[in-house]
Protein backbone atom coordinates (compact mmCIF):
# COMPACT_ATOMS: atom_id res chain seq x y z
CA UNK A 1 121.73 96.22 81.62
CA UNK A 2 125.49 96.79 81.20
CA UNK A 3 127.82 94.04 82.41
CA UNK A 4 130.17 94.45 85.38
CA UNK A 5 133.11 94.81 82.96
CA UNK A 6 131.33 97.60 81.05
CA UNK A 7 130.47 99.34 84.30
CA UNK A 8 134.09 99.17 85.43
CA UNK A 9 135.29 100.52 82.09
CA UNK A 10 132.78 103.36 82.30
CA UNK A 11 133.93 104.19 85.82
CA UNK A 12 137.56 104.30 84.72
CA UNK A 13 136.65 106.47 81.73
CA UNK A 14 134.71 108.86 83.95
CA UNK A 15 137.68 109.16 86.31
CA UNK A 16 140.09 110.15 83.53
CA UNK A 17 140.66 113.88 83.05
CA UNK A 18 139.26 115.37 79.86
CA UNK A 19 141.88 116.70 77.43
CA UNK A 20 140.69 119.67 75.35
CA UNK A 21 140.29 118.95 71.63
CA UNK A 22 142.34 122.06 70.81
CA UNK A 23 145.32 120.62 72.71
CA UNK A 24 145.07 117.31 70.85
CA UNK A 25 144.92 119.20 67.54
CA UNK A 26 148.31 120.74 68.34
CA UNK A 27 149.84 117.27 68.60
CA UNK A 28 147.94 115.55 65.79
CA UNK A 29 148.25 117.42 62.52
CA UNK A 30 148.03 114.36 60.29
CA UNK A 31 148.71 110.61 60.17
CA UNK A 32 151.14 109.51 62.93
CA UNK A 33 153.37 106.48 63.35
CA UNK A 34 153.55 104.50 66.61
CA UNK A 35 156.93 106.13 67.31
CA UNK A 36 155.44 109.60 66.79
CA UNK A 37 152.54 108.83 69.14
CA UNK A 38 154.99 107.61 71.79
CA UNK A 39 157.17 110.71 71.35
CA UNK A 40 154.13 112.97 71.70
CA UNK A 41 153.03 111.05 74.79
CA UNK A 42 156.47 111.45 76.38
CA UNK A 43 156.54 115.16 75.54
CA UNK A 44 153.11 115.60 77.11
CA UNK A 45 154.18 113.63 80.20
CA UNK A 46 157.32 115.77 80.51
CA UNK A 47 155.31 118.97 80.30
CA UNK A 48 152.73 117.69 82.77
CA UNK A 49 155.39 116.61 85.31
CA UNK A 50 157.22 119.91 85.03
CA UNK A 51 153.98 121.89 85.40
CA UNK A 52 153.04 119.82 88.48
CA UNK A 53 156.50 120.40 90.01
CA UNK A 54 156.14 124.12 89.31
CA UNK A 55 152.78 124.13 91.10
CA UNK A 56 154.39 122.39 94.07
CA UNK A 57 157.07 125.10 94.24
CA UNK A 58 154.44 127.86 93.99
CA UNK A 59 152.60 126.32 96.93
CA UNK A 60 155.89 126.06 98.85
CA UNK A 61 156.83 129.70 98.20
CA UNK A 62 153.33 131.09 98.58
CA UNK A 63 153.12 132.88 95.25
CA UNK A 64 152.80 131.97 91.55
CA UNK A 65 155.40 132.74 88.84
CA UNK A 66 155.16 136.41 87.78
CA UNK A 67 153.09 137.34 90.83
CA UNK A 68 154.24 139.84 93.42
CA UNK A 69 156.42 138.32 96.09
CA UNK A 70 154.94 138.60 99.62
CA UNK A 71 156.74 141.15 101.79
CA UNK A 72 157.61 138.64 104.48
CA UNK A 73 158.96 136.07 102.01
CA UNK A 74 162.74 135.70 101.88
CA UNK A 75 162.83 132.63 99.63
CA UNK A 76 162.30 132.73 95.85
CA UNK A 77 162.75 130.73 92.65
CA UNK A 78 166.27 129.87 91.60
CA UNK A 79 166.10 128.30 88.15
CA UNK A 80 165.89 124.59 87.38
CA UNK A 81 168.10 121.51 87.42
CA UNK A 82 167.91 118.65 84.97
CA UNK A 83 167.07 115.15 86.20
CA UNK A 84 166.46 111.86 84.40
CA UNK A 85 163.67 109.75 85.88
CA UNK A 86 162.49 106.27 84.96
CA UNK A 87 158.85 106.12 83.93
CA UNK A 88 156.60 103.30 82.74
CA UNK A 89 157.44 104.31 79.17
CA UNK A 90 161.20 104.64 79.67
CA UNK A 91 163.69 107.29 80.84
CA UNK A 92 162.55 110.92 80.74
CA UNK A 93 164.62 114.07 81.21
CA UNK A 94 162.70 116.69 83.24
CA UNK A 95 163.55 120.13 84.61
CA UNK A 96 163.02 120.32 88.36
CA UNK A 97 162.49 123.85 89.73
CA UNK A 98 164.70 125.04 92.60
CA UNK A 99 164.34 127.60 95.36
CA UNK A 100 166.99 129.90 96.75
CA UNK A 101 167.40 128.39 100.23
CA UNK A 102 167.06 124.76 99.12
CA UNK A 103 164.08 124.01 101.36
CA UNK A 104 161.83 122.82 98.50
CA UNK A 105 161.13 119.05 98.78
CA UNK A 106 159.06 117.87 95.77
CA UNK A 107 156.44 115.24 96.53
CA UNK A 108 155.88 114.06 92.97
CA UNK A 109 159.52 113.12 92.47
CA UNK A 110 161.37 113.37 95.81
CA UNK A 111 165.00 114.45 96.01
CA UNK A 112 167.47 111.66 95.16
CA UNK A 113 164.59 109.65 93.67
CA UNK A 114 165.14 108.43 90.12
CA UNK A 115 161.90 106.56 89.63
CA UNK A 116 158.47 107.83 88.69
CA UNK A 117 155.47 105.95 90.15
CA UNK A 118 154.80 102.59 88.49
CA UNK A 119 158.32 101.59 87.36
CA UNK A 120 159.17 99.83 90.63
CA UNK A 121 156.09 97.64 90.27
CA UNK A 122 157.38 96.31 86.94
CA UNK A 123 160.73 95.35 88.46
CA UNK A 124 159.06 93.66 91.44
CA UNK A 125 156.62 91.80 89.16
CA UNK A 126 159.48 90.47 87.03
CA UNK A 127 161.47 89.49 90.12
CA UNK A 128 158.44 87.69 91.59
CA UNK A 129 158.20 85.57 88.44
CA UNK A 130 161.72 84.31 88.94
CA UNK A 131 163.63 86.57 86.53
CA UNK A 132 167.26 87.05 87.53
CA UNK A 133 168.96 90.44 87.86
CA UNK A 134 170.59 89.92 84.45
CA UNK A 135 167.26 89.01 82.83
CA UNK A 136 165.58 92.08 84.33
CA UNK A 137 168.45 94.27 83.11
CA UNK A 138 168.10 92.83 79.61
CA UNK A 139 164.34 93.30 79.54
CA UNK A 140 164.53 96.93 80.66
CA UNK A 141 167.25 97.67 78.13
CA UNK A 142 165.30 96.02 75.30
CA UNK A 143 161.82 97.33 76.12
CA UNK A 144 162.63 100.76 77.58
CA UNK A 145 166.14 101.52 76.38
CA UNK A 146 167.13 101.90 80.02
CA UNK A 147 170.41 100.71 81.51
CA UNK A 148 170.05 99.89 85.20
CA UNK A 149 172.57 98.36 87.56
CA UNK A 150 172.06 95.24 89.69
CA UNK A 151 172.36 97.54 92.72
CA UNK A 152 169.43 99.59 91.45
CA UNK A 153 167.25 96.50 90.98
CA UNK A 154 168.32 95.19 94.38
CA UNK A 155 167.37 98.48 96.04
CA UNK A 156 163.88 98.23 94.56
CA UNK A 157 163.34 94.63 95.65
CA UNK A 158 164.95 95.19 99.07
CA UNK A 159 162.15 97.61 99.89
CA UNK A 160 159.90 94.54 99.94
CA UNK A 161 161.60 93.20 103.09
CA UNK A 162 159.72 95.69 105.29
CA UNK A 163 156.45 94.26 103.93
CA UNK A 164 157.71 90.72 104.53
CA UNK A 165 158.54 91.54 108.16
CA UNK A 166 155.10 93.05 108.67
CA UNK A 167 153.41 90.05 107.05
CA UNK A 168 155.45 87.59 109.12
CA UNK A 169 154.41 89.27 112.38
CA UNK A 170 150.73 89.97 111.55
CA UNK A 171 148.02 88.68 113.95
CA UNK A 172 146.50 85.30 113.10
CA UNK A 173 143.20 83.55 113.79
CA UNK A 174 142.79 82.06 117.31
CA UNK A 175 141.98 78.62 115.86
CA UNK A 176 142.76 76.73 112.65
CA UNK A 177 140.90 73.49 111.90
CA UNK A 178 143.77 72.21 109.71
CA UNK A 179 147.34 73.43 109.21
CA UNK A 180 149.71 71.86 106.68
CA UNK A 181 153.46 72.04 107.32
CA UNK A 182 155.95 71.32 104.56
CA UNK A 183 159.48 72.15 103.39
CA UNK A 184 160.95 73.35 100.10
CA UNK A 185 164.68 72.75 99.59
CA UNK A 186 166.79 75.58 98.16
CA UNK A 187 170.48 76.45 97.85
CA UNK A 188 171.64 79.57 99.71
CA UNK A 189 175.13 81.06 100.03
CA UNK A 190 176.29 81.40 103.62
CA UNK A 191 179.81 82.17 104.85
CA UNK A 192 181.15 81.87 101.29
CA UNK A 193 179.72 78.35 100.99
CA UNK A 194 176.55 77.31 99.16
CA UNK A 195 174.43 75.29 101.58
CA UNK A 196 171.22 73.31 101.22
CA UNK A 197 168.52 74.91 103.32
CA UNK A 198 164.81 74.39 103.76
CA UNK A 199 162.09 76.98 103.49
CA UNK A 200 159.26 75.82 105.72
CA UNK A 201 155.71 76.92 104.97
CA UNK A 202 152.59 76.69 107.12
CA UNK A 203 149.29 76.72 105.24
CA UNK A 204 146.21 77.08 107.41
CA UNK A 205 142.58 76.34 106.61
CA UNK A 206 140.61 79.01 108.46
CA UNK A 207 137.28 78.47 110.26
CA UNK A 208 135.40 79.86 107.24
CA UNK A 209 137.13 77.39 104.90
CA UNK A 210 139.45 79.89 103.20
CA UNK A 211 143.19 79.28 103.12
CA UNK A 212 146.10 81.42 104.25
CA UNK A 213 149.89 81.10 104.40
CA UNK A 214 150.65 81.62 108.09
CA UNK A 215 154.37 82.13 107.71
CA UNK A 216 157.65 81.00 106.19
CA UNK A 217 160.88 80.13 107.98
CA UNK A 218 164.38 79.28 106.71
CA UNK A 219 166.58 76.75 108.49
CA UNK A 220 169.49 74.51 107.48
CA UNK A 221 168.56 71.77 109.94
CA UNK A 222 165.19 70.80 111.33
CA UNK A 223 164.51 69.53 114.82
CA UNK A 224 162.43 70.01 117.94
CA UNK A 225 164.25 73.25 118.83
CA UNK A 226 163.46 74.80 115.45
CA UNK A 227 159.82 73.69 115.50
CA UNK A 228 159.42 74.93 119.04
CA UNK A 229 160.41 78.37 117.75
CA UNK A 230 157.88 78.11 114.90
CA UNK A 231 154.98 77.05 117.13
CA UNK A 232 155.77 79.68 119.75
CA UNK A 233 155.83 82.26 116.95
CA UNK A 234 152.34 81.18 115.87
CA UNK A 235 151.13 81.27 119.48
CA UNK A 236 152.58 84.74 120.05
CA UNK A 237 150.69 85.95 116.96
CA UNK A 238 147.37 84.79 118.39
CA UNK A 239 146.98 81.11 117.51
CA UNK A 240 145.51 79.40 120.55
CA UNK A 241 144.53 76.08 118.99
CA UNK A 242 145.18 73.89 115.94
CA UNK A 243 142.79 70.96 115.57
CA UNK A 244 144.75 68.92 113.01
CA UNK A 245 148.38 69.38 111.94
CA UNK A 246 149.28 67.63 108.68
CA UNK A 247 152.93 66.96 107.88
CA UNK A 248 155.32 64.58 106.15
CA UNK A 249 157.22 63.36 109.20
CA UNK A 250 159.33 66.49 109.60
CA UNK A 251 161.96 65.77 112.23
CA UNK A 252 161.15 67.07 115.72
CA UNK A 253 157.78 68.54 114.71
CA UNK A 254 155.68 66.11 116.74
CA UNK A 255 157.66 66.68 119.94
CA UNK A 256 157.46 70.48 119.65
CA UNK A 257 153.78 70.37 118.67
CA UNK A 258 152.98 68.34 121.78
CA UNK A 259 154.69 70.97 123.93
CA UNK A 260 152.98 74.09 122.51
CA UNK A 261 149.68 72.65 121.21
CA UNK A 262 149.20 69.42 123.19
CA UNK A 263 145.58 68.89 122.09
CA UNK A 264 146.43 68.95 118.36
CA UNK A 265 146.07 65.75 116.33
CA UNK A 266 149.22 65.06 114.29
CA UNK A 267 148.40 63.48 110.93
CA UNK A 268 150.82 62.19 108.32
CA UNK A 269 150.16 63.77 104.94
CA UNK A 270 148.70 61.02 102.76
CA UNK A 271 149.59 62.92 99.60
CA UNK A 272 153.27 62.76 100.55
CA UNK A 273 153.01 59.14 101.66
CA UNK A 274 151.44 58.06 98.37
CA UNK A 275 153.92 60.09 96.35
CA UNK A 276 156.85 58.60 98.27
CA UNK A 277 155.42 55.12 97.67
CA UNK A 278 155.16 55.69 93.92
CA UNK A 279 158.82 56.70 93.71
CA UNK A 280 159.78 53.05 94.14
CA UNK A 281 158.00 52.12 90.89
CA UNK A 282 158.75 52.92 87.25
CA UNK A 283 156.65 55.47 85.39
CA UNK A 284 154.70 52.71 83.64
CA UNK A 285 153.83 51.03 86.94
CA UNK A 286 152.87 54.07 89.00
CA UNK A 287 149.25 54.39 87.89
CA UNK A 288 148.49 50.73 88.65
CA UNK A 289 150.36 50.93 91.97
CA UNK A 290 148.32 54.00 92.97
CA UNK A 291 145.11 52.10 92.24
CA UNK A 292 146.34 49.20 94.40
CA UNK A 293 147.08 51.56 97.31
CA UNK A 294 143.71 53.33 97.20
CA UNK A 295 141.76 50.72 99.24
CA UNK A 296 144.12 51.35 102.16
CA UNK A 297 143.54 55.09 102.60
CA UNK A 298 139.87 54.96 101.60
CA UNK A 299 139.04 52.24 104.14
CA UNK A 300 136.16 53.10 106.51
CA UNK A 301 138.17 52.46 109.68
CA UNK A 302 141.69 51.95 110.99
CA UNK A 303 141.02 48.22 111.38
CA UNK A 304 139.79 47.93 107.80
CA UNK A 305 142.79 49.94 106.58
CA UNK A 306 145.18 47.60 108.43
CA UNK A 307 143.47 44.63 106.78
CA UNK A 308 143.84 46.28 103.36
CA UNK A 309 147.53 46.93 104.03
CA UNK A 310 148.01 43.26 104.96
CA UNK A 311 146.21 42.24 101.77
CA UNK A 312 148.40 44.60 99.74
CA UNK A 313 151.51 43.08 101.35
CA UNK A 314 150.45 39.54 100.41
CA UNK A 315 149.45 40.55 96.90
CA UNK A 316 151.63 40.96 93.79
CA UNK A 317 152.39 44.65 94.40
CA UNK A 318 153.44 44.05 98.00
CA UNK A 319 155.65 41.16 96.94
CA UNK A 320 157.26 43.28 94.21
CA UNK A 321 157.64 46.42 96.37
CA UNK A 322 158.21 45.43 100.01
CA UNK A 323 159.75 48.89 100.53
CA UNK A 324 156.32 50.43 99.92
CA UNK A 325 154.81 48.28 102.65
CA UNK A 326 157.68 49.18 104.98
CA UNK A 327 157.10 52.90 104.28
CA UNK A 328 153.43 52.64 105.27
CA UNK A 329 154.15 50.56 108.37
CA UNK A 330 156.78 53.04 109.62
CA UNK A 331 154.26 55.88 109.32
CA UNK A 332 151.24 53.87 110.47
CA UNK A 333 150.91 55.44 113.94
CA UNK A 334 150.62 58.85 112.26
CA UNK A 335 148.33 57.55 109.50
CA UNK A 336 145.58 55.97 111.61
CA UNK A 337 144.23 59.26 113.12
CA UNK A 338 142.92 59.92 109.60
CA UNK A 339 140.47 57.00 109.85
CA UNK A 340 138.77 58.46 112.92
CA UNK A 341 137.52 61.40 110.85
CA UNK A 342 134.28 61.36 108.85
CA UNK A 343 134.51 61.52 105.03
CA UNK A 344 133.91 65.30 104.95
CA UNK A 345 136.93 66.00 107.16
CA UNK A 346 139.03 63.42 105.33
CA UNK A 347 138.42 65.26 102.08
CA UNK A 348 139.67 68.51 103.63
CA UNK A 349 142.84 66.79 104.83
CA UNK A 350 143.43 64.89 101.61
CA UNK A 351 142.21 67.21 98.84
CA UNK A 352 142.91 70.63 100.36
CA UNK A 353 146.65 70.06 100.46
CA UNK A 354 147.27 73.12 98.31
CA UNK A 355 150.80 73.29 99.67
CA UNK A 356 151.75 70.65 97.08
CA UNK A 357 150.48 72.90 94.30
CA UNK A 358 152.29 75.87 95.83
CA UNK A 359 155.60 74.03 95.92
CA UNK A 360 155.22 72.92 92.30
CA UNK A 361 154.76 76.54 91.22
CA UNK A 362 157.59 77.77 93.44
CA UNK A 363 159.97 75.18 91.99
CA UNK A 364 159.24 76.49 88.49
CA UNK A 365 160.14 80.00 89.65
CA UNK A 366 163.40 79.11 91.42
CA UNK A 367 164.67 76.38 89.07
CA UNK A 368 166.56 78.89 86.90
CA UNK A 369 168.64 80.06 89.88
CA UNK A 370 171.77 78.19 90.86
CA UNK A 371 171.49 79.53 94.40
CA UNK A 372 170.39 82.54 96.41
CA UNK A 373 173.02 84.99 97.72
CA UNK A 374 171.40 85.19 101.17
CA UNK A 375 168.46 84.10 103.32
CA UNK A 376 166.83 87.50 102.72
CA UNK A 377 167.07 87.09 98.95
CA UNK A 378 165.35 83.70 99.14
CA UNK A 379 162.68 85.00 101.53
CA UNK A 380 162.04 88.01 99.32
CA UNK A 381 161.47 85.98 96.16
CA UNK A 382 159.39 83.27 97.84
CA UNK A 383 157.17 85.87 99.52
CA UNK A 384 156.60 87.78 96.29
CA UNK A 385 155.80 84.54 94.49
CA UNK A 386 153.39 83.52 97.25
CA UNK A 387 151.66 86.88 96.97
CA UNK A 388 150.92 86.12 93.31
CA UNK A 389 149.96 82.49 93.93
CA UNK A 390 147.51 83.28 96.73
CA UNK A 391 145.95 86.35 95.08
CA UNK A 392 142.75 84.43 94.24
CA UNK A 393 142.40 82.58 97.55
CA UNK A 394 139.12 84.19 98.45
CA UNK A 395 136.87 81.15 98.36
CA UNK A 396 136.30 78.39 100.88
CA UNK A 397 137.50 74.85 100.28
CA UNK A 398 135.15 72.59 98.31
CA UNK A 399 132.26 71.19 100.36
CA UNK A 400 133.44 73.14 103.41
CA UNK A 401 129.94 73.52 104.87
CA UNK A 402 129.63 69.77 105.33
CA UNK A 403 133.09 69.64 106.86
CA UNK A 404 132.20 72.48 109.26
CA UNK A 405 129.35 70.45 110.69
CA UNK A 406 131.61 67.46 111.24
CA UNK A 407 134.33 69.61 112.86
CA UNK A 408 131.69 71.06 115.19
CA UNK A 409 130.54 67.57 116.18
CA UNK A 410 134.03 66.11 116.57
CA UNK A 411 135.66 69.05 118.36
CA UNK A 412 132.74 70.82 120.03
CA UNK A 413 133.66 74.13 121.65
CA UNK A 414 137.21 74.02 120.30
CA UNK A 415 135.74 74.61 116.84
CA UNK A 416 132.48 76.46 117.50
CA UNK A 417 133.95 79.17 119.79
CA UNK A 418 136.36 80.34 117.10
CA UNK A 419 134.10 79.70 114.10
CA UNK A 420 131.22 81.74 115.51
């Protein structure tokens, strides 16, 4: 029985048009170099495009070349005009047929269009991987012998903004068991000054256990007013309830969350809290310090966790790093909700924090850029990068079935109505 890959290959092969052997014989008269094969391929593509454009004009006029012109037809062929288009294999000069009254609008290569299907995707793919305009220019010149301007590249990537707007306003699920909120700091030029801004992401775990980026927002300062706008945006797009919101103490978030989603449990992100604690130690000490902290967040109850924190404070690590103890005590009111959850839900909160992984990958993409020229430029790149990062997010979180049962018990109808 053929494998899925073989079946797919067979399907693709069956879908390809058959080229007559006699036609191939006209191109291949003996051994050919790679350059000769490419030249023949470009010549064939040129002929195919021009024939397809000629067929479009025949359909537009209502009669084929050399055929009798219909009596009621006033329009007719009027020669050709040369046009260079960018293809996947490089620039190609083609002859575009014209009509007398200028009403012919080709569909294959529209008027004023300089790109043939597929080339834009390459530019967008390179841009999504963090390549700068200059790097994209250099790659196209080296690989395709094509000189393109920054304005040309910008026009291709700007077309993405319509997709971003549609994505940002799409309907969402009525309920999310867990939503993670976090910020990524970037530099953006504004009013001729480069400012530090934050790109805020919301990652939701859906009732079926799969993950989704709910939106991204750019703001120079965070506060209750900003978060109120974010939560109202989510509510307008259909979110009626969030069971648990996980965050790293973002300013004003709790106040705004209580206004829009008053029943939501606000939980400090333990991943962030542990990471912030380890920053006080040297690289050699961090592994041992992490081991010493583990009994606190793995304690079976809030009371047991408080006892473990007291023990940590009295121990050698607490004596050496009192700032770590202070960090945990400041966040304690937002840590203890975690201990009310059963182990299955704790694992979702603690191990499903994919937003950390996302930010690590985004930082690799944007680290080569000094700053972004505008908010739109930053949004465009981050969205394209997220599209690549989340392409394989089709599976539920690990051990989600067990967590579902615990969510149903803990939250009752709030979970089961939306998960059904």
